[in-house]
Amino acid sequence: MSGNLKLDIFIVGLMLIPIIIQFVPVVSGLFINSEKKTHFSVISFPPSIYIIFLSGLGNNLLGQVIVGLAFIVFFGSYAAALSYLVRANKVAK
């Protein structure tokens, strides 16, 4: 997986996830419920970013699977955090 493709996936995910969470409340609820069961952590952000961009994995099939899982961990944590922020914003109003 080339660096440009990883960056493209990363930027598209960063742009689309907030839009989806804001305009599809069901998705936000699903992330909040799944986070209560699996306990995503902010600690997973740095390792997942390292695996995606700095590790050099992605040249073979196993590396691509590991990079794909790192994307899932990062975007799952990101979406759960945004879901909590949206819910807290609604409660504060």
PDB file of N, CA and C in Angstrom:
ATOM      1  N   MET A   1       0.855  -1.166   0.000  1.00  0.00           N
ATOM      2  CA  MET A   1       0.000   0.000   0.000  1.00  0.00           C
ATOM      3  C   MET A   1       0.902   1.230   0.000  1.00  0.00           C
ATOM      4  N   SER A   2       0.737   2.089  -0.957  1.00  0.00           N
ATOM      5  CA  SER A   2       1.618   3.253  -1.069  1.00  0.00           C
ATOM      6  C   SER A   2       1.246   4.314  -0.045  1.00  0.00           C
ATOM      7  N   GLY A   3       2.182   5.193   0.218  1.00  0.00           N
ATOM      8  CA  GLY A   3       1.965   6.253   1.187  1.00  0.00           C
ATOM      9  C   GLY A   3       0.865   7.210   0.772  1.00  0.00           C
ATOM     10  N   ASN A   4       0.761   7.477  -0.536  1.00  0.00           N
ATOM     11  CA  ASN A   4      -0.295   8.382  -1.009  1.00  0.00           C
ATOM     12  C   ASN A   4      -1.683   7.787  -0.811  1.00  0.00           C
ATOM     13  N   LEU A   5      -1.823   6.494  -1.030  1.00  0.00           N
ATOM     14  CA  LEU A   5      -3.110   5.835  -0.825  1.00  0.00           C
ATOM     15  C   LEU A   5      -3.495   5.863   0.648  1.00  0.00           C
ATOM     16  N   LYS A   6      -2.526   5.604   1.535  1.00  0.00           N
ATOM     17  CA  LYS A   6      -2.798   5.657   2.971  1.00  0.00           C
ATOM     18  C   LYS A   6      -3.248   7.062   3.377  1.00  0.00           C
ATOM     19  N   LEU A   7      -2.574   8.058   2.866  1.00  0.00           N
ATOM     20  CA  LEU A   7      -2.916   9.441   3.196  1.00  0.00           C
ATOM     21  C   LEU A   7      -4.296   9.807   2.657  1.00  0.00           C
ATOM     22  N   ASP A   8      -4.615   9.347   1.464  1.00  0.00           N
ATOM     23  CA  ASP A   8      -5.937   9.606   0.888  1.00  0.00           C
ATOM     24  C   ASP A   8      -7.044   8.978   1.733  1.00  0.00           C
ATOM     25  N   ILE A   9      -6.854   7.729   2.132  1.00  0.00           N
ATOM     26  CA  ILE A   9      -7.842   7.052   2.975  1.00  0.00           C
ATOM     27  C   ILE A   9      -7.982   7.795   4.301  1.00  0.00           C
ATOM     28  N   PHE A  10      -6.864   8.212   4.863  1.00  0.00           N
ATOM     29  CA  PHE A  10      -6.860   8.911   6.145  1.00  0.00           C
ATOM     30  C   PHE A  10      -7.629  10.230   6.057  1.00  0.00           C
ATOM     31  N   ILE A  11      -7.359  11.024   5.033  1.00  0.00           N
ATOM     32  CA  ILE A  11      -8.010  12.323   4.890  1.00  0.00           C
ATOM     33  C   ILE A  11      -9.503  12.170   4.607  1.00  0.00           C
ATOM     34  N   VAL A  12      -9.863  11.233   3.756  1.00  0.00           N
ATOM     35  CA  VAL A  12     -11.282  11.004   3.454  1.00  0.00           C
ATOM     36  C   VAL A  12     -12.022  10.545   4.716  1.00  0.00           C
ATOM     37  N   GLY A  13     -11.404   9.668   5.483  1.00  0.00           N
ATOM     38  CA  GLY A  13     -12.028   9.219   6.726  1.00  0.00           C
ATOM     39  C   GLY A  13     -12.200  10.348   7.721  1.00  0.00           C
ATOM     40  N   LEU A  14     -11.184  11.197   7.851  1.00  0.00           N
ATOM     41  CA  LEU A  14     -11.279  12.332   8.774  1.00  0.00           C
ATOM     42  C   LEU A  14     -12.365  13.309   8.359  1.00  0.00           C
ATOM     43  N   MET A  15     -12.620  13.412   7.067  1.00  0.00           N
ATOM     44  CA  MET A  15     -13.649  14.341   6.592  1.00  0.00           C
ATOM     45  C   MET A  15     -15.046  13.734   6.642  1.00  0.00           C
ATOM     46  N   LEU A  16     -15.187  12.463   6.328  1.00  0.00           N
ATOM     47  CA  LEU A  16     -16.518  11.859   6.226  1.00  0.00           C
ATOM     48  C   LEU A  16     -17.115  11.423   7.560  1.00  0.00           C
ATOM     49  N   ILE A  17     -16.285  10.966   8.484  1.00  0.00           N
ATOM     50  CA  ILE A  17     -16.820  10.455   9.742  1.00  0.00           C
ATOM     51  C   ILE A  17     -17.596  11.522  10.517  1.00  0.00           C
ATOM     52  N   PRO A  18     -17.081  12.759  10.672  1.00  0.00           N
ATOM     53  CA  PRO A  18     -17.895  13.763  11.380  1.00  0.00           C
ATOM     54  C   PRO A  18     -19.219  14.071  10.683  1.00  0.00           C
ATOM     55  N   ILE A  19     -19.219  14.077   9.364  1.00  0.00           N
ATOM     56  CA  ILE A  19     -20.454  14.345   8.622  1.00  0.00           C
ATOM     57  C   ILE A  19     -21.463  13.227   8.851  1.00  0.00           C
ATOM     58  N   ILE A  20     -21.009  11.990   8.791  1.00  0.00           N
ATOM     59  CA  ILE A  20     -21.904  10.849   9.001  1.00  0.00           C
ATOM     60  C   ILE A  20     -22.455  10.862  10.421  1.00  0.00           C
ATOM     61  N   ILE A  21     -21.601  11.125  11.393  1.00  0.00           N
ATOM     62  CA  ILE A  21     -22.052  11.123  12.787  1.00  0.00           C
ATOM     63  C   ILE A  21     -23.035  12.262  13.049  1.00  0.00           C
ATOM     64  N   GLN A  22     -22.808  13.408  12.438  1.00  0.00           N
ATOM     65  CA  GLN A  22     -23.683  14.560  12.663  1.00  0.00           C
ATOM     66  C   GLN A  22     -25.069  14.362  12.052  1.00  0.00           C
ATOM     67  N   PHE A  23     -25.128  13.778  10.856  1.00  0.00           N
ATOM     68  CA  PHE A  23     -26.396  13.712  10.132  1.00  0.00           C
ATOM     69  C   PHE A  23     -27.091  12.363  10.188  1.00  0.00           C
ATOM     70  N   VAL A  24     -26.449  11.341  10.750  1.00  0.00           N
ATOM     71  CA  VAL A  24     -27.091  10.034  10.904  1.00  0.00           C
ATOM     72  C   VAL A  24     -27.003   9.649  12.386  1.00  0.00           C
ATOM     73  N   PRO A  25     -27.999  10.040  13.180  1.00  0.00           N
ATOM     74  CA  PRO A  25     -27.928   9.815  14.629  1.00  0.00           C
ATOM     75  C   PRO A  25     -27.840   8.343  15.020  1.00  0.00           C
ATOM     76  N   VAL A  26     -28.344   7.453  14.180  1.00  0.00           N
ATOM     77  CA  VAL A  26     -28.279   6.024  14.485  1.00  0.00           C
ATOM     78  C   VAL A  26     -26.829   5.563  14.568  1.00  0.00           C
ATOM     79  N   VAL A  27     -25.990   6.073  13.676  1.00  0.00           N
ATOM     80  CA  VAL A  27     -24.576   5.696  13.672  1.00  0.00           C
ATOM     81  C   VAL A  27     -23.905   6.153  14.965  1.00  0.00           C
ATOM     82  N   SER A  28     -24.223   7.368  15.389  1.00  0.00           N
ATOM     83  CA  SER A  28     -23.661   7.887  16.633  1.00  0.00           C
ATOM     84  C   SER A  28     -24.062   7.001  17.811  1.00  0.00           C
ATOM     85  N   GLY A  29     -25.310   6.601  17.856  1.00  0.00           N
ATOM     86  CA  GLY A  29     -25.777   5.712  18.923  1.00  0.00           C
ATOM     87  C   GLY A  29     -25.090   4.360  18.888  1.00  0.00           C
ATOM     88  N   LEU A  30     -24.858   3.829  17.697  1.00  0.00           N
ATOM     89  CA  LEU A  30     -24.169   2.551  17.578  1.00  0.00           C
ATOM     90  C   LEU A  30     -22.739   2.637  18.108  1.00  0.00           C
ATOM     91  N   PHE A  31     -22.036   3.732  17.799  1.00  0.00           N
ATOM     92  CA  PHE A  31     -20.667   3.876  18.294  1.00  0.00           C
ATOM     93  C   PHE A  31     -20.634   4.037  19.801  1.00  0.00           C
ATOM     94  N   ILE A  32     -21.597   4.753  20.358  1.00  0.00           N
ATOM     95  CA  ILE A  32     -21.632   4.914  21.815  1.00  0.00           C
ATOM     96  C   ILE A  32     -21.914   3.576  22.485  1.00  0.00           C
ATOM     97  N   ASN A  33     -22.858   2.809  21.956  1.00  0.00           N
ATOM     98  CA  ASN A  33     -23.160   1.492  22.527  1.00  0.00           C
ATOM     99  C   ASN A  33     -21.993   0.527  22.375  1.00  0.00           C
ATOM    100  N   SER A  34     -21.338   0.529  21.226  1.00  0.00           N
ATOM    101  CA  SER A  34     -20.209  -0.382  21.031  1.00  0.00           C
ATOM    102  C   SER A  34     -19.025   0.018  21.899  1.00  0.00           C
ATOM    103  N   GLU A  35     -18.851   1.324  22.144  1.00  0.00           N
ATOM    104  CA  GLU A  35     -17.748   1.774  22.982  1.00  0.00           C
ATOM    105  C   GLU A  35     -17.954   1.333  24.422  1.00  0.00           C
ATOM    106  N   LYS A  36     -19.196   1.299  24.862  1.00  0.00           N
ATOM    107  CA  LYS A  36     -19.471   0.845  26.227  1.00  0.00           C
ATOM    108  C   LYS A  36     -19.107  -0.625  26.396  1.00  0.00           C
ATOM    109  N   LYS A  37     -19.228  -1.405  25.341  1.00  0.00           N
ATOM    110  CA  LYS A  37     -18.923  -2.831  25.411  1.00  0.00           C
ATOM    111  C   LYS A  37     -17.435  -3.109  25.207  1.00  0.00           C
ATOM    112  N   THR A  38     -16.796  -2.398  24.266  1.00  0.00           N
ATOM    113  CA  THR A  38     -15.408  -2.730  23.906  1.00  0.00           C
ATOM    114  C   THR A  38     -14.373  -1.808  24.516  1.00  0.00           C
ATOM    115  N   HIS A  39     -14.771  -0.655  25.027  1.00  0.00           N
ATOM    116  CA  HIS A  39     -13.877   0.307  25.678  1.00  0.00           C
ATOM    117  C   HIS A  39     -12.729   0.737  24.774  1.00  0.00           C
ATOM    118  N   PHE A  40     -13.061   1.447  23.685  1.00  0.00           N
ATOM    119  CA  PHE A  40     -12.026   2.076  22.879  1.00  0.00           C
ATOM    120  C   PHE A  40     -11.245   3.026  23.764  1.00  0.00           C
ATOM    121  N   SER A  41     -10.016   3.224  23.443  1.00  0.00           N
ATOM    122  CA  SER A  41      -9.193   4.082  24.277  1.00  0.00           C
ATOM    123  C   SER A  41      -8.406   5.056  23.411  1.00  0.00           C
ATOM    124  N   VAL A  42      -8.151   6.219  23.983  1.00  0.00           N
ATOM    125  CA  VAL A  42      -7.331   7.203  23.276  1.00  0.00           C
ATOM    126  C   VAL A  42      -5.900   6.686  23.135  1.00  0.00           C
ATOM    127  N   ILE A  43      -5.525   5.750  23.988  1.00  0.00           N
ATOM    128  CA  ILE A  43      -4.177   5.179  23.938  1.00  0.00           C
ATOM    129  C   ILE A  43      -3.958   4.449  22.616  1.00  0.00           C
ATOM    130  N   SER A  44      -5.018   4.024  21.950  1.00  0.00           N
ATOM    131  CA  SER A  44      -4.858   3.304  20.676  1.00  0.00           C
ATOM    132  C   SER A  44      -4.517   4.237  19.519  1.00  0.00           C
ATOM    133  N   PHE A  45      -4.687   5.554  19.684  1.00  0.00           N
ATOM    134  CA  PHE A  45      -4.372   6.486  18.593  1.00  0.00           C
ATOM    135  C   PHE A  45      -2.911   6.444  18.165  1.00  0.00           C
ATOM    136  N   PRO A  46      -1.942   6.680  19.047  1.00  0.00           N
ATOM    137  CA  PRO A  46      -0.539   6.718  18.592  1.00  0.00           C
ATOM    138  C   PRO A  46      -0.050   5.414  17.958  1.00  0.00           C
ATOM    139  N   PRO A  47      -0.331   4.236  18.557  1.00  0.00           N
ATOM    140  CA  PRO A  47       0.136   3.017  17.880  1.00  0.00           C
ATOM    141  C   PRO A  47      -0.505   2.800  16.510  1.00  0.00           C
ATOM    142  N   SER A  48      -1.784   3.138  16.379  1.00  0.00           N
ATOM    143  CA  SER A  48      -2.427   2.916  15.081  1.00  0.00           C
ATOM    144  C   SER A  48      -1.854   3.863  14.025  1.00  0.00           C
ATOM    145  N   ILE A  49      -1.571   5.105  14.400  1.00  0.00           N
ATOM    146  CA  ILE A  49      -0.953   6.040  13.451  1.00  0.00           C
ATOM    147  C   ILE A  49       0.442   5.559  13.079  1.00  0.00           C
ATOM    148  N   TYR A  50       1.191   5.049  14.051  1.00  0.00           N
ATOM    149  CA  TYR A  50       2.529   4.523  13.756  1.00  0.00           C
ATOM    150  C   TYR A  50       2.452   3.357  12.775  1.00  0.00           C
ATOM    151  N   ILE A  51       1.517   2.445  13.024  1.00  0.00           N
ATOM    152  CA  ILE A  51       1.386   1.281  12.134  1.00  0.00           C
ATOM    153  C   ILE A  51       0.977   1.721  10.734  1.00  0.00           C
ATOM    154  N   ILE A  52       0.089   2.711  10.640  1.00  0.00           N
ATOM    155  CA  ILE A  52      -0.397   3.142   9.330  1.00  0.00           C
ATOM    156  C   ILE A  52       0.697   3.830   8.530  1.00  0.00           C
ATOM    157  N   PHE A  53       1.393   4.782   9.143  1.00  0.00           N
ATOM    158  CA  PHE A  53       2.280   5.647   8.360  1.00  0.00           C
ATOM    159  C   PHE A  53       3.771   5.368   8.518  1.00  0.00           C
ATOM    160  N   LEU A  54       4.227   4.943   9.660  1.00  0.00           N
ATOM    161  CA  LEU A  54       5.660   4.907   9.897  1.00  0.00           C
ATOM    162  C   LEU A  54       6.281   3.520   9.904  1.00  0.00           C
ATOM    163  N   SER A  55       5.500   2.492  10.030  1.00  0.00           N
ATOM    164  CA  SER A  55       6.064   1.166  10.234  1.00  0.00           C
ATOM    165  C   SER A  55       6.651   0.536   8.973  1.00  0.00           C
ATOM    166  N   GLY A  56       6.233   0.952   7.816  1.00  0.00           N
ATOM    167  CA  GLY A  56       6.714   0.329   6.582  1.00  0.00           C
ATOM    168  C   GLY A  56       5.957  -0.934   6.228  1.00  0.00           C
ATOM    169  N   LEU A  57       4.926  -1.249   6.992  1.00  0.00           N
ATOM    170  CA  LEU A  57       4.098  -2.406   6.653  1.00  0.00           C
ATOM    171  C   LEU A  57       3.234  -2.059   5.451  1.00  0.00           C
ATOM    172  N   GLY A  58       2.725  -3.027   4.801  1.00  0.00           N
ATOM    173  CA  GLY A  58       1.835  -2.797   3.683  1.00  0.00           C
ATOM    174  C   GLY A  58       2.405  -3.268   2.364  1.00  0.00           C
ATOM    175  N   ASN A  59       3.596  -3.867   2.408  1.00  0.00           N
ATOM    176  CA  ASN A  59       4.203  -4.346   1.168  1.00  0.00           C
ATOM    177  C   ASN A  59       3.682  -5.715   0.772  1.00  0.00           C
ATOM    178  N   ASN A  60       3.226  -6.497   1.723  1.00  0.00           N
ATOM    179  CA  ASN A  60       2.688  -7.814   1.411  1.00  0.00           C
ATOM    180  C   ASN A  60       1.269  -7.920   1.968  1.00  0.00           C
ATOM    181  N   LEU A  61       0.638  -9.047   1.789  1.00  0.00           N
ATOM    182  CA  LEU A  61      -0.763  -9.211   2.194  1.00  0.00           C
ATOM    183  C   LEU A  61      -0.928  -9.074   3.703  1.00  0.00           C
ATOM    184  N   LEU A  62      -0.057  -9.700   4.481  1.00  0.00           N
ATOM    185  CA  LEU A  62      -0.160  -9.607   5.936  1.00  0.00           C
ATOM    186  C   LEU A  62       0.018  -8.161   6.399  1.00  0.00           C
ATOM    187  N   GLY A  63       0.956  -7.459   5.808  1.00  0.00           N
ATOM    188  CA  GLY A  63       1.159  -6.053   6.154  1.00  0.00           C
ATOM    189  C   GLY A  63      -0.050  -5.206   5.818  1.00  0.00           C
ATOM    190  N   GLN A  64      -0.692  -5.486   4.685  1.00  0.00           N
ATOM    191  CA  GLN A  64      -1.878  -4.735   4.305  1.00  0.00           C
ATOM    192  C   GLN A  64      -3.040  -5.019   5.258  1.00  0.00           C
ATOM    193  N   VAL A  65      -3.155  -6.256   5.721  1.00  0.00           N
ATOM    194  CA  VAL A  65      -4.188  -6.596   6.696  1.00  0.00           C
ATOM    195  C   VAL A  65      -3.934  -5.850   8.002  1.00  0.00           C
ATOM    196  N   ILE A  66      -2.687  -5.805   8.442  1.00  0.00           N
ATOM    197  CA  ILE A  66      -2.350  -5.105   9.681  1.00  0.00           C
ATOM    198  C   ILE A  66      -2.622  -3.611   9.545  1.00  0.00           C
ATOM    199  N   VAL A  67      -2.265  -3.017   8.417  1.00  0.00           N
ATOM    200  CA  VAL A  67      -2.549  -1.598   8.184  1.00  0.00           C
ATOM    201  C   VAL A  67      -4.056  -1.361   8.139  1.00  0.00           C
ATOM    202  N   GLY A  68      -4.800  -2.257   7.526  1.00  0.00           N
ATOM    203  CA  GLY A  68      -6.263  -2.143   7.497  1.00  0.00           C
ATOM    204  C   GLY A  68      -6.858  -2.202   8.894  1.00  0.00           C
ATOM    205  N   LEU A  69      -6.356  -3.094   9.733  1.00  0.00           N
ATOM    206  CA  LEU A  69      -6.830  -3.162  11.112  1.00  0.00           C
ATOM    207  C   LEU A  69      -6.472  -1.900  11.891  1.00  0.00           C
ATOM    208  N   ALA A  70      -5.300  -1.352  11.610  1.00  0.00           N
ATOM    209  CA  ALA A  70      -4.910  -0.093  12.266  1.00  0.00           C
ATOM    210  C   ALA A  70      -5.855   1.041  11.858  1.00  0.00           C
ATOM    211  N   PHE A  71      -6.252   1.069  10.587  1.00  0.00           N
ATOM    212  CA  PHE A  71      -7.239   2.065  10.146  1.00  0.00           C
ATOM    213  C   PHE A  71      -8.560   1.875  10.890  1.00  0.00           C
ATOM    214  N   ILE A  72      -8.995   0.637  11.037  1.00  0.00           N
ATOM    215  CA  ILE A  72     -10.248   0.359  11.735  1.00  0.00           C
ATOM    216  C   ILE A  72     -10.174   0.807  13.188  1.00  0.00           C
ATOM    217  N   VAL A  73      -9.067   0.508  13.857  1.00  0.00           N
ATOM    218  CA  VAL A  73      -8.906   0.925  15.257  1.00  0.00           C
ATOM    219  C   VAL A  73      -8.905   2.443  15.358  1.00  0.00           C
ATOM    220  N   PHE A  74      -8.150   3.111  14.480  1.00  0.00           N
ATOM    221  CA  PHE A  74      -8.073   4.568  14.547  1.00  0.00           C
ATOM    222  C   PHE A  74      -9.429   5.203  14.272  1.00  0.00           C
ATOM    223  N   PHE A  75     -10.063   4.827  13.175  1.00  0.00           N
ATOM    224  CA  PHE A  75     -11.329   5.457  12.813  1.00  0.00           C
ATOM    225  C   PHE A  75     -12.457   5.061  13.767  1.00  0.00           C
ATOM    226  N   GLY A  76     -12.404   3.858  14.332  1.00  0.00           N
ATOM    227  CA  GLY A  76     -13.387   3.478  15.341  1.00  0.00           C
ATOM    228  C   GLY A  76     -13.271   4.324  16.590  1.00  0.00           C
ATOM    229  N   SER A  77     -12.054   4.538  17.050  1.00  0.00           N
ATOM    230  CA  SER A  77     -11.834   5.391  18.222  1.00  0.00           C
ATOM    231  C   SER A  77     -12.215   6.832  17.924  1.00  0.00           C
ATOM    232  N   TYR A  78     -11.871   7.297  16.750  1.00  0.00           N
ATOM    233  CA  TYR A  78     -12.193   8.661  16.328  1.00  0.00           C
ATOM    234  C   TYR A  78     -13.706   8.871  16.266  1.00  0.00           C
ATOM    235  N   ALA A  79     -14.408   7.909  15.685  1.00  0.00           N
ATOM    236  CA  ALA A  79     -15.864   8.021  15.564  1.00  0.00           C
ATOM    237  C   ALA A  79     -16.536   7.935  16.931  1.00  0.00           C
ATOM    238  N   ALA A  80     -16.039   7.069  17.813  1.00  0.00           N
ATOM    239  CA  ALA A  80     -16.622   6.978  19.155  1.00  0.00           C
ATOM    240  C   ALA A  80     -16.427   8.282  19.920  1.00  0.00           C
ATOM    241  N   ALA A  81     -15.252   8.873  19.812  1.00  0.00           N
ATOM    242  CA  ALA A  81     -14.986  10.144  20.496  1.00  0.00           C
ATOM    243  C   ALA A  81     -15.896  11.247  19.954  1.00  0.00           C
ATOM    244  N   LEU A  82     -16.051  11.302  18.644  1.00  0.00           N
ATOM    245  CA  LEU A  82     -16.933  12.308  18.060  1.00  0.00           C
ATOM    246  C   LEU A  82     -18.387  12.075  18.452  1.00  0.00           C
ATOM    247  N   SER A  83     -18.789  10.828  18.569  1.00  0.00           N
ATOM    248  CA  SER A  83     -20.160  10.522  18.983  1.00  0.00           C
ATOM    249  C   SER A  83     -20.420  11.034  20.387  1.00  0.00           C
ATOM    250  N   TYR A  84     -19.458  10.840  21.276  1.00  0.00           N
ATOM    251  CA  TYR A  84     -19.604  11.360  22.631  1.00  0.00           C
ATOM    252  C   TYR A  84     -19.647  12.881  22.641  1.00  0.00           C
ATOM    253  N   LEU A  85     -18.841  13.517  21.809  1.00  0.00           N
ATOM    254  CA  LEU A  85     -18.874  14.981  21.735  1.00  0.00           C
ATOM    255  C   LEU A  85     -20.222  15.492  21.227  1.00  0.00           C
ATOM    256  N   VAL A  86     -20.777  14.839  20.225  1.00  0.00           N
ATOM    257  CA  VAL A  86     -22.083  15.246  19.706  1.00  0.00           C
ATOM    258  C   VAL A  86     -23.152  15.076  20.773  1.00  0.00           C
ATOM    259  N   ARG A  87     -23.105  13.948  21.480  1.00  0.00           N
ATOM    260  CA  ARG A  87     -24.099  13.721  22.538  1.00  0.00           C
ATOM    261  C   ARG A  87     -23.940  14.736  23.674  1.00  0.00           C
ATOM    262  N   ALA A  88     -22.711  15.033  24.058  1.00  0.00           N
ATOM    263  CA  ALA A  88     -22.488  16.013  25.124  1.00  0.00           C
ATOM    264  C   ALA A  88     -22.953  17.406  24.698  1.00  0.00           C
ATOM    265  N   ASN A  89     -22.771  17.729  23.432  1.00  0.00           N
ATOM    266  CA  ASN A  89     -23.228  19.011  22.923  1.00  0.00           C
ATOM    267  C   ASN A  89     -24.749  19.105  22.963  1.00  0.00           C
ATOM    268  N   LYS A  90     -25.437  18.020  22.633  1.00  0.00           N
ATOM    269  CA  LYS A  90     -26.905  18.008  22.675  1.00  0.00           C
ATOM    270  C   LYS A  90     -27.411  18.104  24.103  1.00  0.00           C
ATOM    271  N   VAL A  91     -26.721  17.446  25.044  1.00  0.00           N
ATOM    272  CA  VAL A  91     -27.138  17.487  26.445  1.00  0.00           C
ATOM    273  C   VAL A  91     -26.917  18.887  27.012  1.00  0.00           C
ATOM    274  N   ALA A  92     -25.838  19.544  26.607  1.00  0.00           N
ATOM    275  CA  ALA A  92     -25.517  20.873  27.130  1.00  0.00           C
ATOM    276  C   ALA A  92     -26.523  21.926  26.663  1.00  0.00           C
ATOM    277  N   LYS A  93     -27.143  21.710  25.528  1.00  0.00           N
ATOM    278  CA  LYS A  93     -28.125  22.670  25.007  1.00  0.00           C
ATOM    279  C   LYS A  93     -29.403  22.490  25.691  1.00  0.00           C
TER     280      LYS A  93
END
